[in-house]
Amino acid sequence: MLTKNKRIADYAAKSNGLYLFKKSLISIAIGNVRSGIRKHMNRILYILLIIGLYSCGVNHNTKKKTENVETKKSTTTLKDFEFLQDFEKNKTKFITDTIQLYDHSTDGGDLVIFQSNNFEYDVLDFWLYGETGKLNYTYWTKKNRNTEFKFVRQLAYDYDRPYYEENYKTDSTIYYLSYSDSKTRLFDINNSEIINPEQVVKIKLELETFFRDVTKGIEIIK
């Protein structure tokens, strides 16, 4: 009887040990699976992070290149008053250089040169001051070719008496000269084209002569 009970006890002990052994193996297997999943997820997150950073870089460069292309495209297709509008919108993006002008008027004057590598034109803005008026002639020229005009604005202020006298009155006239087409076109203050050929030739000669005389001896750094 004791022997039989002992066999039963031994069998129970072995069964319990086997159960614990199997449980231990299952725990180890589950741990290994969880560890493998965790490592796999870390790899996936790392790959996704790299892809995200690369995509951001590509998108940024693409956007920058697109902006540059659009800027160059817009400036190379400008004509007539579009030069004036484009410059007014982007004036702060240009580098300026100011040159004092002497011997051209009683009260002197200055030339402000606007240049930028991002635009296909330069702007030369002249101011001359006198006792009975002032002149503001602005020339849009092809990039690095200051004698190849694209568009010109002529603005003249006339005083009815010297400016240092009280209550003087000012009158102003403005003309626009466009070189965008095969022929030179002249416009008035209302942007209406002037078709009088004699007036067109007169204003054109006046503006080109002024530019040539005032810039004589001035070295414009490009």
Protein backbone atom coordinates (compact mmCIF):
# COMPACT_ATOMS: atom_id res chain seq x y z
CA MET A 1 0.00 0.00 0.00
CA LEU A 2 2.79 2.42 0.88
CA THR A 3 4.60 1.49 -2.28
CA LYS A 4 1.53 2.29 -4.36
CA ASN A 5 1.05 5.64 -2.63
CA LYS A 6 4.71 6.45 -3.16
CA ARG A 7 4.40 5.73 -6.87
CA ILE A 8 1.40 8.04 -7.06
CA ALA A 9 3.30 10.80 -5.24
CA ASP A 10 6.32 10.38 -7.51
CA TYR A 11 4.13 10.57 -10.59
CA ALA A 12 2.39 13.69 -9.30
CA ALA A 13 5.74 15.32 -8.59
CA LYS A 14 7.02 14.48 -12.06
CA SER A 15 3.80 15.76 -13.66
CA ASN A 16 4.01 19.00 -11.71
CA GLY A 17 7.68 19.42 -12.69
CA LEU A 18 6.85 18.79 -16.34
CA TYR A 19 4.05 21.36 -16.15
CA LEU A 20 6.38 23.94 -14.66
CA PHE A 21 9.00 23.16 -17.31
CA LYS A 22 6.47 23.57 -20.12
CA LYS A 23 5.21 26.81 -18.54
CA SER A 24 8.76 28.09 -18.37
CA LEU A 25 9.34 27.23 -22.06
CA ILE A 26 6.10 28.98 -23.03
CA SER A 27 7.10 32.08 -21.02
CA ILE A 28 10.50 32.15 -22.71
CA ALA A 29 8.90 31.73 -26.14
CA ILE A 30 6.41 34.54 -25.46
CA GLY A 31 9.23 36.77 -24.24
CA ASN A 32 11.25 36.06 -27.37
CA VAL A 33 8.24 36.80 -29.58
CA ARG A 34 7.58 40.09 -27.76
CA SER A 35 11.23 41.05 -28.01
CA GLY A 36 11.24 40.24 -31.73
CA ILE A 37 8.08 42.26 -32.31
CA ARG A 38 9.54 45.19 -30.36
CA LYS A 39 12.77 45.12 -32.41
CA HIS A 40 10.78 44.82 -35.64
CA MET A 41 8.59 47.78 -34.69
CA ASN A 42 11.67 49.85 -33.83
CA ARG A 43 13.13 49.07 -37.25
CA ILE A 44 9.87 50.11 -38.93
CA LEU A 45 9.72 53.37 -36.94
CA TYR A 46 13.35 54.11 -37.78
CA ILE A 47 12.73 53.50 -41.50
CA LEU A 48 9.59 55.66 -41.44
CA LEU A 49 11.53 58.46 -39.72
CA ILE A 50 14.25 58.37 -42.39
CA ILE A 51 11.64 58.39 -45.17
CA GLY A 52 9.86 61.34 -43.55
CA LEU A 53 13.04 63.40 -43.20
CA TYR A 54 14.05 62.63 -46.79
CA SER A 55 10.60 63.57 -48.10
CA CYS A 56 10.73 66.90 -46.24
CA GLY A 57 14.12 67.66 -47.75
CA VAL A 58 12.99 66.77 -51.27
CA ASN A 59 9.80 68.82 -50.94
CA HIS A 60 11.75 71.84 -49.64
CA ASN A 61 14.27 71.68 -52.48
CA THR A 62 11.53 71.14 -55.05
CA LYS A 63 9.58 74.13 -53.73
CA LYS A 64 12.71 76.31 -53.76
CA LYS A 65 13.58 75.28 -57.33
CA THR A 66 9.99 75.89 -58.43
CA GLU A 67 10.02 79.38 -56.90
CA ASN A 68 13.28 80.21 -58.67
CA VAL A 69 11.93 78.94 -61.99
CA GLU A 70 8.72 80.93 -61.58
CA THR A 71 10.68 84.10 -60.72
CA LYS A 72 12.94 83.75 -63.76
CA LYS A 73 10.00 82.89 -65.99
CA SER A 74 8.00 85.92 -64.82
CA THR A 75 10.85 88.37 -65.38
CA THR A 76 11.81 87.08 -68.82
CA THR A 77 8.24 87.42 -70.12
CA LEU A 78 7.63 90.94 -68.79
CA LYS A 79 6.68 93.72 -71.15
CA ASP A 80 5.47 97.32 -71.01
CA PHE A 81 3.98 98.26 -67.61
CA GLU A 82 4.65 94.81 -66.18
CA PHE A 83 8.23 95.96 -65.53
CA LEU A 84 6.95 98.78 -63.35
CA GLN A 85 4.50 96.53 -61.51
CA ASP A 86 7.06 93.78 -60.95
CA PHE A 87 9.63 96.23 -59.62
CA GLU A 88 7.18 97.90 -57.24
CA LYS A 89 6.27 94.47 -55.85
CA ASN A 90 9.88 93.26 -55.44
CA LYS A 91 11.77 96.50 -54.82
CA THR A 92 13.06 95.41 -51.40
CA LYS A 93 14.76 92.35 -52.96
CA PHE A 94 17.21 94.51 -54.91
CA ILE A 95 20.61 95.73 -53.76
CA THR A 96 20.98 99.51 -54.16
CA ASP A 97 23.92 101.74 -54.88
CA THR A 98 23.65 105.55 -54.87
CA ILE A 99 25.83 107.88 -56.93
CA GLN A 100 25.81 111.65 -56.43
CA LEU A 101 25.29 113.68 -59.60
CA TYR A 102 26.96 117.06 -60.04
CA ASP A 103 27.02 119.69 -62.80
CA HIS A 104 23.66 118.61 -64.21
CA SER A 105 21.35 120.90 -62.23
CA THR A 106 21.52 123.86 -59.84
CA ASP A 107 20.76 121.78 -56.74
CA GLY A 108 22.47 118.53 -57.71
CA GLY A 109 20.95 115.11 -57.91
CA ASP A 110 21.57 111.41 -57.50
CA LEU A 111 21.38 108.11 -59.32
CA VAL A 112 20.09 105.03 -57.48
CA ILE A 113 20.97 101.71 -59.12
CA PHE A 114 18.89 98.63 -58.28
CA GLN A 115 20.39 95.21 -59.05
CA SER A 116 19.56 91.60 -58.18
CA ASN A 117 20.68 88.21 -59.48
CA ASN A 118 17.10 86.96 -59.17
CA PHE A 119 15.71 89.32 -61.80
CA GLU A 120 16.47 89.72 -65.47
CA TYR A 121 16.55 93.52 -65.38
CA ASP A 122 18.33 96.39 -63.62
CA VAL A 123 16.74 99.70 -62.65
CA LEU A 124 18.50 103.07 -62.84
CA ASP A 125 16.57 105.83 -61.06
CA PHE A 126 17.72 109.43 -61.73
CA TRP A 127 16.76 112.52 -59.71
CA LEU A 128 17.81 116.05 -60.64
CA TYR A 129 16.83 119.06 -58.52
CA GLY A 130 16.55 122.70 -59.59
CA GLU A 131 15.10 125.99 -58.46
CA THR A 132 12.03 125.75 -60.66
CA GLY A 133 11.46 122.01 -60.77
CA LYS A 134 12.86 118.49 -60.51
CA LEU A 135 13.18 115.51 -62.81
CA ASN A 136 12.78 111.81 -62.10
CA TYR A 137 13.75 109.52 -64.98
CA THR A 138 13.64 105.78 -64.33
CA TYR A 139 15.14 103.23 -66.75
CA TRP A 140 14.51 99.48 -66.75
CA THR A 141 17.39 97.87 -68.64
CA LYS A 142 18.32 94.34 -69.58
CA LYS A 143 20.45 92.61 -66.94
CA ASN A 144 24.09 93.81 -67.10
CA ARG A 145 23.35 95.76 -70.29
CA ASN A 146 22.55 99.23 -69.06
CA THR A 147 22.16 100.73 -72.53
CA GLU A 148 19.60 98.16 -73.68
CA PHE A 149 16.36 99.72 -72.51
CA LYS A 150 13.20 97.73 -71.77
CA PHE A 151 10.99 100.41 -70.23
CA VAL A 152 11.40 104.08 -69.22
CA ARG A 153 9.35 106.41 -67.04
CA GLN A 154 9.76 110.18 -67.39
CA LEU A 155 8.37 112.26 -64.53
CA ALA A 156 8.86 116.04 -64.53
CA TYR A 157 7.79 118.54 -61.85
CA ASP A 158 7.57 122.21 -62.82
CA TYR A 159 7.22 125.07 -60.31
CA ASP A 160 5.63 128.38 -61.24
CA ARG A 161 8.34 130.15 -59.23
CA PRO A 162 11.53 129.15 -57.38
CA TYR A 163 10.84 126.65 -54.59
CA TYR A 164 12.30 128.97 -51.94
CA GLU A 165 9.52 131.49 -52.57
CA GLU A 166 6.29 131.05 -50.68
CA ASN A 167 3.17 129.51 -52.16
CA TYR A 168 4.78 128.16 -55.31
CA LYS A 169 2.63 125.76 -57.31
CA THR A 170 3.68 122.47 -58.88
CA ASP A 171 2.63 120.98 -62.18
CA SER A 172 3.74 117.52 -63.30
CA THR A 173 3.86 115.53 -66.50
CA ILE A 174 4.59 111.85 -66.94
CA TYR A 175 5.35 109.67 -69.96
CA TYR A 176 6.19 105.99 -70.36
CA LEU A 177 8.35 104.63 -73.14
CA SER A 178 8.25 100.91 -73.93
CA TYR A 179 10.87 99.01 -75.93
CA SER A 180 9.15 95.62 -75.59
CA ASP A 181 7.91 95.42 -79.17
CA SER A 182 9.71 95.87 -82.47
CA LYS A 183 8.79 99.56 -82.40
CA THR A 184 9.06 102.02 -79.50
CA ARG A 185 5.70 102.91 -77.96
CA LEU A 186 4.83 106.00 -75.92
CA PHE A 187 2.13 106.19 -73.22
CA ASP A 188 0.66 109.05 -71.22
CA ILE A 189 -0.23 109.38 -67.53
CA ASN A 190 -3.39 107.31 -68.08
CA ASN A 191 -1.40 104.50 -69.74
CA SER A 192 -3.01 105.36 -73.07
CA GLU A 193 -0.79 105.02 -76.10
CA ILE A 194 0.27 108.19 -77.91
CA ILE A 195 0.29 107.55 -81.64
CA ASN A 196 1.73 110.91 -82.72
CA PRO A 197 5.04 109.80 -84.34
CA GLU A 198 6.72 113.19 -83.91
CA GLN A 199 6.04 113.23 -80.18
CA VAL A 200 7.23 109.63 -79.82
CA VAL A 201 10.53 110.46 -81.56
CA LYS A 202 10.94 113.66 -79.50
CA ILE A 203 10.46 111.95 -76.12
CA LYS A 204 12.58 108.95 -77.14
CA LEU A 205 15.46 111.21 -78.22
CA GLU A 206 15.20 113.29 -75.07
CA LEU A 207 15.31 110.25 -72.73
CA GLU A 208 18.14 108.50 -74.55
CA THR A 209 20.22 111.70 -74.76
CA PHE A 210 19.66 112.38 -71.06
CA PHE A 211 20.81 108.89 -70.12
CA ARG A 212 23.90 109.08 -72.30
CA ASP A 213 24.94 112.53 -71.03
CA VAL A 214 24.35 111.93 -67.33
CA THR A 215 26.01 108.50 -67.20
CA LYS A 216 29.05 109.61 -69.15
CA GLY A 217 32.11 108.89 -67.00
CA ILE A 218 30.11 106.84 -64.45
CA GLU A 219 31.28 103.26 -63.99
CA ILE A 220 28.40 101.01 -63.05
CA ILE A 221 29.61 97.92 -61.20
CA LYS A 222 27.78 94.80 -62.42
